[in-house]
Amino acid sequence: MKKHRKYQGIVAAPFTPMDKNGNLNAELIPEYYSLLEKNGVTGAFINGTTGEGFSLSQKEKQIQATQWMACHKTGGKVRVINLVGGTSYKECIENAVFSREIGMSAIAIVAPYYFKPVDDTQLSEFVARIAEAVPQMPVYFYHIPLLTGVYMPMIGFLQKISGMVSNFAGIKYTSEDFMDFQSCINFREGQYDILWGRDECLLSALILGCRGAVGSTYNYAAPLYNSLISFFDKGYLNEARKLQQKSVDMVSLLGKYGGIATGKAYMKYIGLDCGKFRLPVKNMTDKMYEDFVKDVKHLEMEKFFSVR
């Protein structure tokens, strides 16, 4: 087992910038990278759910990865994890090798979501097949059963994968199974990097021992979560709870205005317009955005939004 540097603090899952015609707007990425760095974000998890990785072409994902890594290579402090895919291990290997060649910090793999693995043995074999192609790279598994439909305890998967490849680094854990999450954190005395993936209940994960988290709202509200973590570390739990409620109130607007695309509306609100989501994701109308802005102002959390 290779020892990999764990992620501490918040890791943003960036939105993929699009122009008005729905094409990749990679020219915006340097400004985006600077925004994350300026607001204390320690990592970027690109081409994932928030980044519409499953709606992008191979070429687009590679262009985006190259641009993010160019920012990191010029002295940037934000490390970059590239989600390399999920349904075809051949395609995942192609993306993994490309990620290695451009110097990516790490890669992540999601469960096959069409022909689904039926148990943790099949899942481990799939992940190992890709990890073996890039033996020097840290490899993460992205556990998001709500979208993949692959529901299984991650502790069993960890037990299997730990004996198969030495470069497996950890899990991005996007599920509310706190019992399983805690078991993963404590597996082999904390050997693996278990990153929490639900922004609206980060405080609960911190209490269980979590030290790193990946999320979409860290793109536009990093100061909120950095303050929450700071309060928790100092033992000021009441203050931390108040900030977690601010997070819940903020996240509730995603549901009110149609879901994941609301995140790009938040980005537009803070001054970094990343365009719209691709079909079939529903985007806001101009009138909806006007109402959204009014609701955001009612949250009274301007000081917690990321600044450019």
C-alpha atoms as a PDB file:
ATOM      1  CA  MET A   1       0.000   0.000   0.000  1.00  0.00           C
ATOM      2  CA  LYS A   2       1.455   3.323  -1.117  1.00  0.00           C
ATOM      3  CA  LYS A   3       1.021   6.221   1.290  1.00  0.00           C
ATOM      4  CA  HIS A   4      -0.874   9.050  -0.380  1.00  0.00           C
ATOM      5  CA  ARG A   5      -1.318  12.574   0.901  1.00  0.00           C
ATOM      6  CA  LYS A   6      -4.879  12.936   2.114  1.00  0.00           C
ATOM      7  CA  TYR A   7      -7.077  15.906   1.258  1.00  0.00           C
ATOM      8  CA  GLN A   8      -7.779  18.229   4.161  1.00  0.00           C
ATOM      9  CA  GLY A   9     -10.606  20.768   4.271  1.00  0.00           C
ATOM     10  CA  ILE A  10     -12.939  21.374   1.355  1.00  0.00           C
ATOM     11  CA  VAL A  11     -12.560  20.105  -2.193  1.00  0.00           C
ATOM     12  CA  ALA A  12     -14.859  21.778  -4.723  1.00  0.00           C
ATOM     13  CA  ALA A  13     -16.609  19.840  -7.469  1.00  0.00           C
ATOM     14  CA  PRO A  14     -16.423  22.493 -10.215  1.00  0.00           C
ATOM     15  CA  PHE A  15     -19.111  23.191 -12.758  1.00  0.00           C
ATOM     16  CA  THR A  16     -18.061  22.853 -16.373  1.00  0.00           C
ATOM     17  CA  PRO A  17     -18.087  26.357 -17.900  1.00  0.00           C
ATOM     18  CA  MET A  18     -20.271  26.564 -21.006  1.00  0.00           C
ATOM     19  CA  ASP A  19     -20.726  29.398 -23.497  1.00  0.00           C
ATOM     20  CA  LYS A  20     -24.113  30.682 -24.678  1.00  0.00           C
ATOM     21  CA  ASN A  21     -24.250  27.941 -27.337  1.00  0.00           C
ATOM     22  CA  GLY A  22     -23.668  25.174 -24.819  1.00  0.00           C
ATOM     23  CA  ASN A  23     -20.062  24.530 -25.832  1.00  0.00           C
ATOM     24  CA  LEU A  24     -17.172  24.060 -23.425  1.00  0.00           C
ATOM     25  CA  ASN A  25     -15.761  27.436 -22.353  1.00  0.00           C
ATOM     26  CA  ALA A  26     -12.319  26.327 -21.187  1.00  0.00           C
ATOM     27  CA  GLU A  27     -11.012  29.905 -21.269  1.00  0.00           C
ATOM     28  CA  LEU A  28     -12.915  30.576 -18.035  1.00  0.00           C
ATOM     29  CA  ILE A  29     -11.074  27.856 -16.095  1.00  0.00           C
ATOM     30  CA  PRO A  30      -8.024  29.956 -15.016  1.00  0.00           C
ATOM     31  CA  GLU A  31     -10.351  32.503 -13.421  1.00  0.00           C
ATOM     32  CA  TYR A  32     -12.339  29.663 -11.852  1.00  0.00           C
ATOM     33  CA  TYR A  33      -9.169  28.072 -10.459  1.00  0.00           C
ATOM     34  CA  SER A  34      -8.128  31.424  -9.002  1.00  0.00           C
ATOM     35  CA  LEU A  35     -11.542  31.795  -7.318  1.00  0.00           C
ATOM     36  CA  LEU A  36     -11.183  28.437  -5.572  1.00  0.00           C
ATOM     37  CA  GLU A  37      -7.624  29.119  -4.487  1.00  0.00           C
ATOM     38  CA  LYS A  38      -8.463  32.587  -3.188  1.00  0.00           C
ATOM     39  CA  ASN A  39     -11.262  31.191  -1.027  1.00  0.00           C
ATOM     40  CA  GLY A  40      -9.308  28.432   0.693  1.00  0.00           C
ATOM     41  CA  VAL A  41     -10.391  25.440  -1.375  1.00  0.00           C
ATOM     42  CA  THR A  42      -7.736  22.717  -1.273  1.00  0.00           C
ATOM     43  CA  GLY A  43      -8.778  20.604  -4.253  1.00  0.00           C
ATOM     44  CA  ALA A  44     -10.945  20.391  -7.364  1.00  0.00           C
ATOM     45  CA  PHE A  45     -12.853  17.226  -8.340  1.00  0.00           C
ATOM     46  CA  ILE A  46     -13.462  17.771 -12.069  1.00  0.00           C
ATOM     47  CA  ASN A  47     -15.644  16.017 -14.673  1.00  0.00           C
ATOM     48  CA  GLY A  48     -17.929  14.649 -11.964  1.00  0.00           C
ATOM     49  CA  THR A  49     -21.656  14.985 -11.370  1.00  0.00           C
ATOM     50  CA  THR A  50     -21.561  18.736 -10.801  1.00  0.00           C
ATOM     51  CA  GLY A  51     -19.171  19.056 -13.738  1.00  0.00           C
ATOM     52  CA  GLU A  52     -21.520  17.233 -16.134  1.00  0.00           C
ATOM     53  CA  GLY A  53     -18.796  14.712 -16.878  1.00  0.00           C
ATOM     54  CA  PHE A  54     -21.390  12.223 -18.092  1.00  0.00           C
ATOM     55  CA  SER A  55     -22.704  14.776 -20.620  1.00  0.00           C
ATOM     56  CA  LEU A  56     -19.263  15.613 -22.048  1.00  0.00           C
ATOM     57  CA  SER A  57     -17.374  14.000 -24.893  1.00  0.00           C
ATOM     58  CA  GLN A  58     -14.007  12.332 -24.360  1.00  0.00           C
ATOM     59  CA  LYS A  59     -12.305  15.260 -26.071  1.00  0.00           C
ATOM     60  CA  GLU A  60     -14.112  17.831 -23.909  1.00  0.00           C
ATOM     61  CA  LYS A  61     -13.178  16.018 -20.712  1.00  0.00           C
ATOM     62  CA  GLN A  62      -9.557  15.925 -21.778  1.00  0.00           C
ATOM     63  CA  ILE A  63      -9.510  19.607 -22.748  1.00  0.00           C
ATOM     64  CA  GLN A  64     -11.004  20.520 -19.391  1.00  0.00           C
ATOM     65  CA  ALA A  65      -8.528  18.337 -17.492  1.00  0.00           C
ATOM     66  CA  THR A  66      -5.605  19.866 -19.375  1.00  0.00           C
ATOM     67  CA  GLN A  67      -6.710  23.392 -18.561  1.00  0.00           C
ATOM     68  CA  TRP A  68      -7.223  22.683 -14.852  1.00  0.00           C
ATOM     69  CA  MET A  69      -3.811  21.045 -14.625  1.00  0.00           C
ATOM     70  CA  ALA A  70      -2.171  23.946 -16.457  1.00  0.00           C
ATOM     71  CA  CYS A  71      -3.352  26.178 -13.614  1.00  0.00           C
ATOM     72  CA  HIS A  72      -1.943  23.800 -11.021  1.00  0.00           C
ATOM     73  CA  LYS A  73       1.393  23.455 -12.807  1.00  0.00           C
ATOM     74  CA  THR A  74       1.976  27.211 -12.791  1.00  0.00           C
ATOM     75  CA  GLY A  75       2.181  27.270  -9.019  1.00  0.00           C
ATOM     76  CA  GLY A  76      -1.443  26.720  -8.067  1.00  0.00           C
ATOM     77  CA  LYS A  77      -2.177  25.258  -4.646  1.00  0.00           C
ATOM     78  CA  VAL A  78      -5.449  23.544  -5.599  1.00  0.00           C
ATOM     79  CA  ARG A  79      -4.796  19.862  -6.373  1.00  0.00           C
ATOM     80  CA  VAL A  80      -6.952  18.323  -9.094  1.00  0.00           C
ATOM     81  CA  ILE A  81      -8.763  14.968  -9.143  1.00  0.00           C
ATOM     82  CA  ASN A  82     -10.152  13.841 -12.504  1.00  0.00           C
ATOM     83  CA  LEU A  83     -13.186  11.562 -12.660  1.00  0.00           C
ATOM     84  CA  VAL A  84     -12.272   9.215 -15.513  1.00  0.00           C
ATOM     85  CA  GLY A  85     -15.624   7.566 -16.006  1.00  0.00           C
ATOM     86  CA  GLY A  86     -17.663   4.541 -15.224  1.00  0.00           C
ATOM     87  CA  THR A  87     -19.358   2.286 -17.790  1.00  0.00           C
ATOM     88  CA  SER A  88     -16.458   1.115 -19.980  1.00  0.00           C
ATOM     89  CA  TYR A  89     -13.218   0.190 -18.255  1.00  0.00           C
ATOM     90  CA  LYS A  90     -11.433   0.635 -21.612  1.00  0.00           C
ATOM     91  CA  GLU A  91     -12.583   4.246 -21.800  1.00  0.00           C
ATOM     92  CA  CYS A  92     -11.722   4.754 -18.130  1.00  0.00           C
ATOM     93  CA  ILE A  93      -8.201   3.442 -18.737  1.00  0.00           C
ATOM     94  CA  GLU A  94      -7.813   5.799 -21.695  1.00  0.00           C
ATOM     95  CA  ASN A  95      -8.778   8.731 -19.483  1.00  0.00           C
ATOM     96  CA  ALA A  96      -6.629   7.478 -16.613  1.00  0.00           C
ATOM     97  CA  VAL A  97      -3.519   7.224 -18.787  1.00  0.00           C
ATOM     98  CA  PHE A  98      -4.217  10.674 -20.199  1.00  0.00           C
ATOM     99  CA  SER A  99      -4.551  11.999 -16.636  1.00  0.00           C
ATOM    100  CA  ARG A 100      -1.201  10.496 -15.720  1.00  0.00           C
ATOM    101  CA  GLU A 101       0.463  11.988 -18.782  1.00  0.00           C
ATOM    102  CA  ILE A 102      -0.662  15.535 -17.961  1.00  0.00           C
ATOM    103  CA  GLY A 103       0.358  15.185 -14.310  1.00  0.00           C
ATOM    104  CA  MET A 104      -3.072  14.980 -12.681  1.00  0.00           C
ATOM    105  CA  SER A 105      -2.972  14.771  -8.873  1.00  0.00           C
ATOM    106  CA  ALA A 106      -5.342  11.780  -8.732  1.00  0.00           C
ATOM    107  CA  ILE A 107      -8.159  10.068 -10.585  1.00  0.00           C
ATOM    108  CA  ALA A 108     -11.572   8.807  -9.523  1.00  0.00           C
ATOM    109  CA  ILE A 109     -13.784   6.023 -10.832  1.00  0.00           C
ATOM    110  CA  VAL A 110     -17.542   5.684 -10.508  1.00  0.00           C
ATOM    111  CA  ALA A 111     -19.464   2.403 -10.462  1.00  0.00           C
ATOM    112  CA  PRO A 112     -20.719   1.089 -13.831  1.00  0.00           C
ATOM    113  CA  TYR A 113     -24.312   2.287 -13.918  1.00  0.00           C
ATOM    114  CA  TYR A 114     -25.745   0.391 -16.926  1.00  0.00           C
ATOM    115  CA  PHE A 115     -24.455  -3.146 -16.475  1.00  0.00           C
ATOM    116  CA  LYS A 116     -24.180  -2.885 -12.715  1.00  0.00           C
ATOM    117  CA  PRO A 117     -21.865  -4.955 -10.504  1.00  0.00           C
ATOM    118  CA  VAL A 118     -23.904  -7.252  -8.293  1.00  0.00           C
ATOM    119  CA  ASP A 119     -21.458  -7.390  -5.380  1.00  0.00           C
ATOM    120  CA  ASP A 120     -18.301  -5.822  -3.989  1.00  0.00           C
ATOM    121  CA  THR A 121     -16.126  -8.438  -5.691  1.00  0.00           C
ATOM    122  CA  GLN A 122     -17.294  -7.393  -9.166  1.00  0.00           C
ATOM    123  CA  LEU A 123     -16.971  -3.715  -8.277  1.00  0.00           C
ATOM    124  CA  SER A 124     -13.453  -4.225  -6.920  1.00  0.00           C
ATOM    125  CA  GLU A 125     -12.385  -6.089 -10.042  1.00  0.00           C
ATOM    126  CA  PHE A 126     -13.666  -3.250 -12.241  1.00  0.00           C
ATOM    127  CA  VAL A 127     -11.862  -0.579 -10.212  1.00  0.00           C
ATOM    128  CA  ALA A 128      -8.671  -2.630  -9.986  1.00  0.00           C
ATOM    129  CA  ARG A 129      -8.583  -3.142 -13.763  1.00  0.00           C
ATOM    130  CA  ILE A 130      -8.365   0.643 -14.214  1.00  0.00           C
ATOM    131  CA  ALA A 131      -6.062   1.329 -11.260  1.00  0.00           C
ATOM    132  CA  GLU A 132      -3.520  -1.188 -12.545  1.00  0.00           C
ATOM    133  CA  ALA A 133      -3.103   0.882 -15.711  1.00  0.00           C
ATOM    134  CA  VAL A 134      -1.738   3.841 -13.712  1.00  0.00           C
ATOM    135  CA  PRO A 135       0.135   2.188 -10.804  1.00  0.00           C
ATOM    136  CA  GLN A 136       1.802   5.397  -9.596  1.00  0.00           C
ATOM    137  CA  MET A 137      -1.415   7.464  -9.379  1.00  0.00           C
ATOM    138  CA  PRO A 138      -3.722   7.758  -6.361  1.00  0.00           C
ATOM    139  CA  VAL A 139      -7.077   6.242  -7.342  1.00  0.00           C
ATOM    140  CA  TYR A 140     -10.372   7.096  -5.632  1.00  0.00           C
ATOM    141  CA  PHE A 141     -13.793   5.494  -5.904  1.00  0.00           C
ATOM    142  CA  TYR A 142     -16.764   7.835  -6.216  1.00  0.00           C
ATOM    143  CA  HIS A 143     -19.660   6.309  -4.262  1.00  0.00           C
ATOM    144  CA  ILE A 144     -22.929   7.948  -5.299  1.00  0.00           C
ATOM    145  CA  PRO A 145     -25.601   5.204  -5.272  1.00  0.00           C
ATOM    146  CA  LEU A 146     -28.521   7.612  -5.756  1.00  0.00           C
ATOM    147  CA  LEU A 147     -27.328   8.231  -9.330  1.00  0.00           C
ATOM    148  CA  THR A 148     -25.500   4.994 -10.204  1.00  0.00           C
ATOM    149  CA  GLY A 149     -28.041   2.643  -8.659  1.00  0.00           C
ATOM    150  CA  VAL A 150     -25.160   0.630  -7.197  1.00  0.00           C
ATOM    151  CA  TYR A 151     -26.102   0.212  -3.554  1.00  0.00           C
ATOM    152  CA  MET A 152     -23.672  -1.733  -1.415  1.00  0.00           C
ATOM    153  CA  PRO A 153     -21.743  -1.055   1.810  1.00  0.00           C
ATOM    154  CA  MET A 154     -18.382   0.508   1.074  1.00  0.00           C
ATOM    155  CA  ILE A 155     -16.680  -1.257   3.963  1.00  0.00           C
ATOM    156  CA  GLY A 156     -16.938  -4.554   2.085  1.00  0.00           C
ATOM    157  CA  PHE A 157     -15.593  -2.907  -1.050  1.00  0.00           C
ATOM    158  CA  LEU A 158     -12.661  -1.463   0.917  1.00  0.00           C
ATOM    159  CA  GLN A 159     -11.830  -4.873   2.329  1.00  0.00           C
ATOM    160  CA  LYS A 160     -11.727  -6.329  -1.187  1.00  0.00           C
ATOM    161  CA  ILE A 161      -9.928  -3.531  -3.064  1.00  0.00           C
ATOM    162  CA  SER A 162      -7.268  -3.118  -0.363  1.00  0.00           C
ATOM    163  CA  GLY A 163      -5.868  -6.509  -1.242  1.00  0.00           C
ATOM    164  CA  MET A 164      -5.931  -5.989  -4.995  1.00  0.00           C
ATOM    165  CA  VAL A 165      -4.071  -2.749  -5.846  1.00  0.00           C
ATOM    166  CA  SER A 166      -1.539  -0.673  -3.940  1.00  0.00           C
ATOM    167  CA  ASN A 167      -2.476   2.715  -5.403  1.00  0.00           C
ATOM    168  CA  PHE A 168      -6.077   2.800  -4.193  1.00  0.00           C
ATOM    169  CA  ALA A 169      -6.312   5.983  -2.109  1.00  0.00           C
ATOM    170  CA  GLY A 170      -9.871   6.325  -0.835  1.00  0.00           C
ATOM    171  CA  ILE A 171     -13.528   7.082  -1.457  1.00  0.00           C
ATOM    172  CA  LYS A 172     -15.586  10.132  -2.267  1.00  0.00           C
ATOM    173  CA  TYR A 173     -18.553   9.107  -0.134  1.00  0.00           C
ATOM    174  CA  THR A 174     -21.840  10.651  -1.345  1.00  0.00           C
ATOM    175  CA  SER A 175     -24.452   8.788   0.662  1.00  0.00           C
ATOM    176  CA  GLU A 176     -26.095   9.237   4.045  1.00  0.00           C
ATOM    177  CA  ASP A 177     -25.112   5.859   5.511  1.00  0.00           C
ATOM    178  CA  PHE A 178     -23.146   7.219   8.471  1.00  0.00           C
ATOM    179  CA  MET A 179     -22.596   3.778   9.977  1.00  0.00           C
ATOM    180  CA  ASP A 180     -20.864   2.534   6.838  1.00  0.00           C
ATOM    181  CA  PHE A 181     -19.026   5.847   6.442  1.00  0.00           C
ATOM    182  CA  GLN A 182     -17.610   5.600   9.967  1.00  0.00           C
ATOM    183  CA  SER A 183     -16.495   2.019   9.358  1.00  0.00           C
ATOM    184  CA  CYS A 184     -14.658   3.172   6.239  1.00  0.00           C
ATOM    185  CA  ILE A 185     -12.925   6.009   8.094  1.00  0.00           C
ATOM    186  CA  ASN A 186     -11.694   3.595  10.767  1.00  0.00           C
ATOM    187  CA  PHE A 187     -10.754   0.763   8.415  1.00  0.00           C
ATOM    188  CA  ARG A 188      -7.156  -0.303   9.107  1.00  0.00           C
ATOM    189  CA  GLU A 189      -6.737   2.586  11.547  1.00  0.00           C
ATOM    190  CA  GLY A 190      -7.650   5.259   9.029  1.00  0.00           C
ATOM    191  CA  GLN A 191      -5.517   4.006   6.176  1.00  0.00           C
ATOM    192  CA  TYR A 192      -7.733   5.432   3.424  1.00  0.00           C
ATOM    193  CA  ASP A 193      -8.818   8.958   2.523  1.00  0.00           C
ATOM    194  CA  ILE A 194     -12.604   8.963   2.994  1.00  0.00           C
ATOM    195  CA  LEU A 195     -14.006  12.237   1.659  1.00  0.00           C
ATOM    196  CA  TRP A 196     -17.518  13.256   2.652  1.00  0.00           C
ATOM    197  CA  GLY A 197     -19.849  14.207  -0.219  1.00  0.00           C
ATOM    198  CA  ARG A 198     -22.971  15.739   1.346  1.00  0.00           C
ATOM    199  CA  ASP A 199     -22.422  19.456   2.008  1.00  0.00           C
ATOM    200  CA  GLU A 200     -25.655  19.923   3.952  1.00  0.00           C
ATOM    201  CA  CYS A 201     -24.538  17.526   6.698  1.00  0.00           C
ATOM    202  CA  LEU A 202     -20.794  18.140   6.791  1.00  0.00           C
ATOM    203  CA  LEU A 203     -20.828  18.778  10.538  1.00  0.00           C
ATOM    204  CA  SER A 204     -22.140  15.275  11.222  1.00  0.00           C
ATOM    205  CA  ALA A 205     -19.293  13.829   9.170  1.00  0.00           C
ATOM    206  CA  LEU A 206     -16.710  15.924  11.018  1.00  0.00           C
ATOM    207  CA  ILE A 207     -17.923  14.504  14.318  1.00  0.00           C
ATOM    208  CA  LEU A 208     -17.239  10.993  13.000  1.00  0.00           C
ATOM    209  CA  GLY A 209     -13.667  11.905  12.134  1.00  0.00           C
ATOM    210  CA  CYS A 210     -13.913  13.221   8.598  1.00  0.00           C
ATOM    211  CA  ARG A 211     -11.142  15.698   7.668  1.00  0.00           C
ATOM    212  CA  GLY A 212     -11.859  16.243   3.972  1.00  0.00           C
ATOM    213  CA  ALA A 213     -15.011  16.760   1.928  1.00  0.00           C
ATOM    214  CA  VAL A 214     -15.995  17.167  -1.729  1.00  0.00           C
ATOM    215  CA  GLY A 215     -19.015  19.202  -2.737  1.00  0.00           C
ATOM    216  CA  SER A 216     -20.668  21.525  -5.225  1.00  0.00           C
ATOM    217  CA  THR A 217     -21.602  24.337  -2.821  1.00  0.00           C
ATOM    218  CA  TYR A 218     -17.929  24.774  -1.919  1.00  0.00           C
ATOM    219  CA  ASN A 219     -17.604  26.462  -5.318  1.00  0.00           C
ATOM    220  CA  TYR A 220     -19.621  29.493  -4.252  1.00  0.00           C
ATOM    221  CA  ALA A 221     -19.776  29.336  -0.443  1.00  0.00           C
ATOM    222  CA  ALA A 222     -16.297  28.208   0.606  1.00  0.00           C
ATOM    223  CA  PRO A 223     -16.008  30.795   3.435  1.00  0.00           C
ATOM    224  CA  LEU A 224     -19.124  29.329   5.070  1.00  0.00           C
ATOM    225  CA  TYR A 225     -17.656  25.832   5.268  1.00  0.00           C
ATOM    226  CA  ASN A 226     -14.157  26.925   6.200  1.00  0.00           C
ATOM    227  CA  SER A 227     -15.667  28.842   9.110  1.00  0.00           C
ATOM    228  CA  LEU A 228     -17.803  25.841  10.056  1.00  0.00           C
ATOM    229  CA  ILE A 229     -14.729  23.586  10.151  1.00  0.00           C
ATOM    230  CA  SER A 230     -12.793  26.178  12.137  1.00  0.00           C
ATOM    231  CA  PHE A 231     -15.566  26.455  14.737  1.00  0.00           C
ATOM    232  CA  PHE A 232     -15.754  22.668  15.005  1.00  0.00           C
ATOM    233  CA  ASP A 233     -11.998  22.342  15.468  1.00  0.00           C
ATOM    234  CA  LYS A 234     -12.109  24.923  18.259  1.00  0.00           C
ATOM    235  CA  GLY A 235     -15.007  23.178  20.002  1.00  0.00           C
ATOM    236  CA  TYR A 236     -17.563  25.928  19.271  1.00  0.00           C
ATOM    237  CA  LEU A 237     -20.354  23.539  18.333  1.00  0.00           C
ATOM    238  CA  ASN A 238     -23.247  25.994  18.619  1.00  0.00           C
ATOM    239  CA  GLU A 239     -21.583  28.321  16.118  1.00  0.00           C
ATOM    240  CA  ALA A 240     -20.821  25.371  13.830  1.00  0.00           C
ATOM    241  CA  ARG A 241     -24.462  24.239  13.989  1.00  0.00           C
ATOM    242  CA  LYS A 242     -25.678  27.712  13.007  1.00  0.00           C
ATOM    243  CA  LEU A 243     -23.451  27.677   9.941  1.00  0.00           C
ATOM    244  CA  GLN A 244     -24.609  24.190   9.012  1.00  0.00           C
ATOM    245  CA  GLN A 245     -28.180  25.498   9.105  1.00  0.00           C
ATOM    246  CA  LYS A 246     -27.101  28.294   6.747  1.00  0.00           C
ATOM    247  CA  SER A 247     -25.844  25.554   4.441  1.00  0.00           C
ATOM    248  CA  VAL A 248     -29.153  23.694   4.663  1.00  0.00           C
ATOM    249  CA  ASP A 249     -31.077  26.882   3.851  1.00  0.00           C
ATOM    250  CA  MET A 250     -28.813  27.530   0.873  1.00  0.00           C
ATOM    251  CA  VAL A 251     -29.081  23.966  -0.432  1.00  0.00           C
ATOM    252  CA  SER A 252     -32.869  24.031  -0.074  1.00  0.00           C
ATOM    253  CA  LEU A 253     -33.014  26.506  -2.961  1.00  0.00           C
ATOM    254  CA  LEU A 254     -31.576  23.860  -5.262  1.00  0.00           C
ATOM    255  CA  GLY A 255     -34.716  21.809  -4.800  1.00  0.00           C
ATOM    256  CA  LYS A 256     -36.989  24.827  -5.110  1.00  0.00           C
ATOM    257  CA  TYR A 257     -35.531  25.885  -8.448  1.00  0.00           C
ATOM    258  CA  GLY A 258     -35.165  22.545 -10.175  1.00  0.00           C
ATOM    259  CA  GLY A 259     -32.080  20.789  -8.853  1.00  0.00           C
ATOM    260  CA  ILE A 260     -28.439  20.671  -9.848  1.00  0.00           C
ATOM    261  CA  ALA A 261     -28.580  23.512 -12.411  1.00  0.00           C
ATOM    262  CA  THR A 262     -29.348  25.912  -9.557  1.00  0.00           C
ATOM    263  CA  GLY A 263     -25.672  25.627  -8.655  1.00  0.00           C
ATOM    264  CA  LYS A 264     -24.730  27.474 -11.826  1.00  0.00           C
ATOM    265  CA  ALA A 265     -27.250  30.152 -10.876  1.00  0.00           C
ATOM    266  CA  TYR A 266     -25.345  30.581  -7.605  1.00  0.00           C
ATOM    267  CA  MET A 267     -22.115  30.895  -9.607  1.00  0.00           C
ATOM    268  CA  LYS A 268     -23.697  33.575 -11.772  1.00  0.00           C
ATOM    269  CA  TYR A 269     -24.864  35.333  -8.598  1.00  0.00           C
ATOM    270  CA  ILE A 270     -21.298  35.585  -7.248  1.00  0.00           C
ATOM    271  CA  GLY A 271     -20.053  36.884 -10.606  1.00  0.00           C
ATOM    272  CA  LEU A 272     -18.679  33.837 -12.453  1.00  0.00           C
ATOM    273  CA  ASP A 273     -21.181  32.904 -15.143  1.00  0.00           C
ATOM    274  CA  CYS A 274     -20.612  29.255 -16.142  1.00  0.00           C
ATOM    275  CA  GLY A 275     -23.536  29.150 -18.556  1.00  0.00           C
ATOM    276  CA  LYS A 276     -26.193  26.463 -18.388  1.00  0.00           C
ATOM    277  CA  PHE A 277     -26.388  22.695 -18.000  1.00  0.00           C
ATOM    278  CA  ARG A 278     -26.820  20.450 -21.002  1.00  0.00           C
ATOM    279  CA  LEU A 279     -29.987  18.494 -21.660  1.00  0.00           C
ATOM    280  CA  PRO A 280     -31.743  16.705 -20.122  1.00  0.00           C
ATOM    281  CA  VAL A 281     -31.016  18.839 -17.030  1.00  0.00           C
ATOM    282  CA  LYS A 282     -33.601  21.602 -16.612  1.00  0.00           C
ATOM    283  CA  ASN A 283     -32.285  25.167 -16.414  1.00  0.00           C
ATOM    284  CA  MET A 284     -33.911  28.278 -14.966  1.00  0.00           C
ATOM    285  CA  THR A 285     -35.821  30.770 -17.053  1.00  0.00           C
ATOM    286  CA  ASP A 286     -34.862  34.443 -16.735  1.00  0.00           C
ATOM    287  CA  LYS A 287     -37.932  35.020 -14.559  1.00  0.00           C
ATOM    288  CA  MET A 288     -36.988  32.123 -12.294  1.00  0.00           C
ATOM    289  CA  TYR A 289     -33.497  33.565 -11.919  1.00  0.00           C
ATOM    290  CA  GLU A 290     -34.973  36.907 -10.806  1.00  0.00           C
ATOM    291  CA  ASP A 291     -36.998  35.101  -8.135  1.00  0.00           C
ATOM    292  CA  PHE A 292     -33.963  33.063  -7.191  1.00  0.00           C
ATOM    293  CA  VAL A 293     -31.898  36.209  -6.599  1.00  0.00           C
ATOM    294  CA  LYS A 294     -34.577  37.531  -4.252  1.00  0.00           C
ATOM    295  CA  ASP A 295     -34.540  34.284  -2.287  1.00  0.00           C
ATOM    296  CA  VAL A 296     -30.745  34.313  -2.075  1.00  0.00           C
ATOM    297  CA  LYS A 297     -30.787  37.828  -0.657  1.00  0.00           C
ATOM    298  CA  HIS A 298     -33.291  36.685   1.976  1.00  0.00           C
ATOM    299  CA  LEU A 299     -30.725  34.139   3.180  1.00  0.00           C
ATOM    300  CA  GLU A 300     -28.627  37.043   4.495  1.00  0.00           C
ATOM    301  CA  MET A 301     -25.366  35.232   3.933  1.00  0.00           C
ATOM    302  CA  GLU A 302     -23.443  37.565   1.636  1.00  0.00           C
ATOM    303  CA  LYS A 303     -20.335  37.369   3.819  1.00  0.00           C
ATOM    304  CA  PHE A 304     -20.261  33.588   3.376  1.00  0.00           C
ATOM    305  CA  PHE A 305     -20.145  33.576  -0.418  1.00  0.00           C
ATOM    306  CA  SER A 306     -16.863  33.078  -2.242  1.00  0.00           C
ATOM    307  CA  VAL A 307     -15.258  36.266  -3.538  1.00  0.00           C
ATOM    308  CA  ARG A 308     -13.484  36.740  -6.861  1.00  0.00           C
END
